[in-house]
Every structure is written in C-alpha cells, then in structure tokens.
Amino acid sequence: MPVVEVRLRLEVSPAAAWDAVCDVESYPAYMENVRSVKITDDTKRSNRISAWSVFLKGSILEWTESDQIDDERRRIDFQQVDGDLEHFAGYWQVIEADGPDSCEVVLYVDFEIGIPLLADMLNPVAKTALEDNSTKMLRGLEQRASAV
C-alpha cells in the first residue's frame, strides 16, 4: 500500500495549529485543492463523520471518512468509510517543536486505488499527486494558523 507522509514546521503555537487542523469545514476557504468538506455527524467531539471533495491532478476525488479526534495528543485519525478509493486512511498530528510558539504538523496517508492490474502504474502517480496535494494543504494551514 502506498504511503504519503508530509511534515511542515510552523512558527505558531501548537494550540493555534490544532484549532486550524480541526476546523475542516473552513479548508476550502484557504486550500485551493479542497472543493468542500462537510461534517455530517458531530454528535461526539471525539468521533465525527466528514464528507470530502478535493481536486487531484485534474480529477475530483470524493470520500466520506470517520475521524477519531484526540485533543490531548492533538491527533485526528481518519478512515474512509465510503468513497472513490479502495482504502484511504491516516492521521493529522500537531507536535510541539522548540517551545510554545513552534510546532510541526504531520499529514500521513496510506491508500489503495483498488485496481490491482494497474497498481504498479497508477500507485506512483497517485502517490506523487497526494504528496503535492498534502503539501499544498499544509501550506494553506500554515497561512490560516499564522493569520489567527
């Protein structure tokens, strides 16, 4: 299964970065590759369902995921429950870096396209596209967290 891990150091407090990470419905306002995110079930803060639509290399990728939110660890583990890929899971995490005004944000994804005969050809292309999208998302998050 291909894996994408993107890390970005931010010169903002971990709390500010965490607030920005958790506010997924605002992502389309400052992440150009995110078309929409809608929380469809948020009855418990620690476990929500969200529906996503993103641009990926000229295509639209859509899925619904279950998010397990751990405020204490500043980590969101997600798992696709329905969507365009065979498997899509990972996590967001905010880690304090060198003090109260610096942190690192990690976006980790493992995925499977679900077309075994084309996996050798498609997985590297999809991995590169997801790395690019993930980097853009973290850059957008950096701008949002810095502005708050």
Protein backbone atom coordinates (compact mmCIF):
# COMPACT_ATOMS: atom_id res chain seq x y z
CA MET A 1 0.00 0.00 0.00
CA PRO A 2 1.46 3.41 -0.92
CA VAL A 3 2.15 5.79 1.96
CA VAL A 4 2.41 9.58 1.93
CA GLU A 5 3.81 11.50 4.88
CA VAL A 6 4.22 15.27 4.73
CA ARG A 7 5.60 17.35 7.61
CA LEU A 8 5.70 21.10 7.94
CA ARG A 9 7.18 23.18 10.71
CA LEU A 10 5.03 26.17 11.67
CA GLU A 11 6.05 29.18 13.70
CA VAL A 12 2.73 29.27 15.54
CA SER A 13 1.59 27.79 18.82
CA PRO A 14 0.55 24.14 18.75
CA ALA A 15 -2.88 25.27 20.02
CA ALA A 16 -3.36 27.63 17.04
CA ALA A 17 -2.26 24.92 14.61
CA TRP A 18 -4.54 22.36 16.29
CA ASP A 19 -7.54 24.71 16.04
CA ALA A 20 -6.85 25.16 12.32
CA VAL A 21 -6.44 21.39 11.76
CA CYS A 22 -9.75 20.63 13.49
CA ASP A 23 -11.74 23.25 11.57
CA VAL A 24 -12.02 21.12 8.43
CA GLU A 25 -15.12 22.88 7.10
CA SER A 26 -13.05 26.04 6.63
CA TYR A 27 -10.40 24.28 4.49
CA PRO A 28 -11.96 25.24 1.12
CA ALA A 29 -11.59 28.94 2.02
CA TYR A 30 -7.79 28.71 2.06
CA MET A 31 -6.85 25.42 0.41
CA GLU A 32 -7.36 25.72 -3.34
CA ASN A 33 -7.29 21.95 -3.90
CA VAL A 34 -10.11 21.32 -1.39
CA ARG A 35 -13.52 21.76 -3.05
CA SER A 36 -15.66 21.06 0.03
CA VAL A 37 -15.66 19.47 3.46
CA LYS A 38 -18.89 18.96 5.36
CA ILE A 39 -19.20 17.47 8.82
CA THR A 40 -22.22 15.18 8.55
CA ASP A 41 -22.20 13.78 12.10
CA ASP A 42 -20.56 15.51 15.04
CA THR A 43 -22.66 14.18 17.91
CA LYS A 44 -19.50 13.36 19.85
CA ARG A 45 -16.50 15.69 19.60
CA SER A 46 -14.13 12.71 19.65
CA ASN A 47 -15.78 10.89 16.74
CA ARG A 48 -17.20 12.65 13.71
CA ILE A 49 -18.08 11.85 10.12
CA SER A 50 -16.99 14.21 7.35
CA ALA A 51 -17.59 14.25 3.58
CA TRP A 52 -14.72 15.50 1.37
CA SER A 53 -14.30 16.59 -2.23
CA VAL A 54 -10.82 17.55 -3.50
CA PHE A 55 -9.12 18.25 -6.79
CA LEU A 56 -6.37 15.73 -7.53
CA LYS A 57 -4.37 16.18 -10.75
CA GLY A 58 -7.32 17.45 -12.78
CA SER A 59 -9.79 14.96 -11.32
CA ILE A 60 -12.20 15.14 -8.42
CA LEU A 61 -11.70 12.69 -5.56
CA GLU A 62 -14.57 12.25 -3.09
CA TRP A 63 -14.97 10.25 0.08
CA THR A 64 -16.61 10.11 3.50
CA GLU A 65 -14.42 9.45 6.50
CA SER A 66 -14.69 8.66 10.16
CA ASP A 67 -12.48 10.94 12.27
CA GLN A 68 -11.25 9.95 15.72
CA ILE A 69 -10.20 13.17 17.44
CA ASP A 70 -7.77 13.11 20.36
CA ASP A 71 -7.47 16.67 21.69
CA GLU A 72 -4.92 15.69 24.32
CA ARG A 73 -2.50 14.24 21.75
CA ARG A 74 -3.56 16.77 19.08
CA ARG A 75 -4.19 13.97 16.63
CA ILE A 76 -7.00 13.07 14.23
CA ASP A 77 -7.02 9.50 12.91
CA PHE A 78 -9.21 9.11 9.84
CA GLN A 79 -10.55 6.16 7.87
CA GLN A 80 -12.56 6.27 4.66
CA VAL A 81 -15.98 4.67 5.15
CA ASP A 82 -17.14 5.31 1.59
CA GLY A 83 -15.50 6.81 -1.45
CA ASP A 84 -13.50 6.66 -4.62
CA LEU A 85 -10.52 4.66 -3.36
CA GLU A 86 -10.35 1.08 -2.17
CA HIS A 87 -8.60 2.18 1.03
CA PHE A 88 -7.81 5.65 2.39
CA ALA A 89 -6.70 6.21 5.98
CA GLY A 90 -4.19 8.16 8.00
CA TYR A 91 -3.81 10.95 10.51
CA TRP A 92 -3.19 14.61 11.16
CA GLN A 93 -0.98 15.43 14.13
CA VAL A 94 0.34 18.61 15.69
CA ILE A 95 3.60 18.21 17.64
CA GLU A 96 5.19 20.90 19.77
CA ALA A 97 8.64 21.75 18.42
CA ASP A 98 11.07 24.10 20.14
CA GLY A 99 8.76 25.86 22.53
CA PRO A 100 5.28 27.27 22.87
CA ASP A 101 5.35 29.20 19.56
CA SER A 102 6.59 26.48 17.23
CA CYS A 103 5.17 23.16 16.09
CA GLU A 104 5.24 20.56 13.37
CA VAL A 105 2.11 19.41 11.56
CA VAL A 106 2.10 15.93 10.08
CA LEU A 107 -0.31 14.59 7.47
CA TYR A 108 0.07 10.83 6.96
CA VAL A 109 -1.99 8.85 4.44
CA ASP A 110 -1.93 5.26 3.31
CA PHE A 111 -4.13 4.35 0.39
CA GLU A 112 -5.00 1.76 -2.20
CA ILE A 113 -6.56 2.69 -5.52
CA GLY A 114 -8.25 -0.67 -5.88
CA ILE A 115 -7.31 -1.61 -9.46
CA PRO A 116 -4.81 -4.47 -8.97
CA LEU A 117 -3.86 -4.86 -12.64
CA LEU A 118 -2.90 -1.18 -12.89
CA ALA A 119 -1.48 -0.71 -9.39
CA ASP A 120 2.18 -0.76 -10.49
CA MET A 121 1.48 2.04 -12.95
CA LEU A 122 -1.11 4.09 -11.03
CA ASN A 123 0.20 3.94 -7.45
CA PRO A 124 3.37 6.01 -8.09
CA VAL A 125 1.36 8.65 -9.96
CA ALA A 126 -1.29 8.75 -7.24
CA LYS A 127 1.37 8.92 -4.53
CA THR A 128 3.05 11.92 -6.17
CA ALA A 129 -0.33 13.64 -6.63
CA LEU A 130 -1.27 13.02 -2.97
CA GLU A 131 2.13 14.31 -1.79
CA ASP A 132 1.62 17.50 -3.82
CA ASN A 133 -1.94 17.95 -2.52
CA SER A 134 -0.88 17.25 1.07
CA THR A 135 1.93 19.80 0.86
CA LYS A 136 -0.50 22.41 -0.51
CA MET A 137 -2.93 21.63 2.30
CA LEU A 138 -0.25 22.09 4.95
CA ARG A 139 0.90 25.38 3.34
CA GLY A 140 -2.71 26.60 3.44
CA LEU A 141 -2.96 25.51 7.05
CA GLU A 142 0.21 27.44 7.82
CA GLN A 143 -1.29 30.62 6.37
CA ARG A 144 -4.54 30.11 8.29
CA ALA A 145 -2.85 29.37 11.64
CA SER A 146 -0.48 32.33 11.22
CA ALA A 147 -3.37 34.70 10.50
CA VAL A 148 -5.31 33.77 13.64
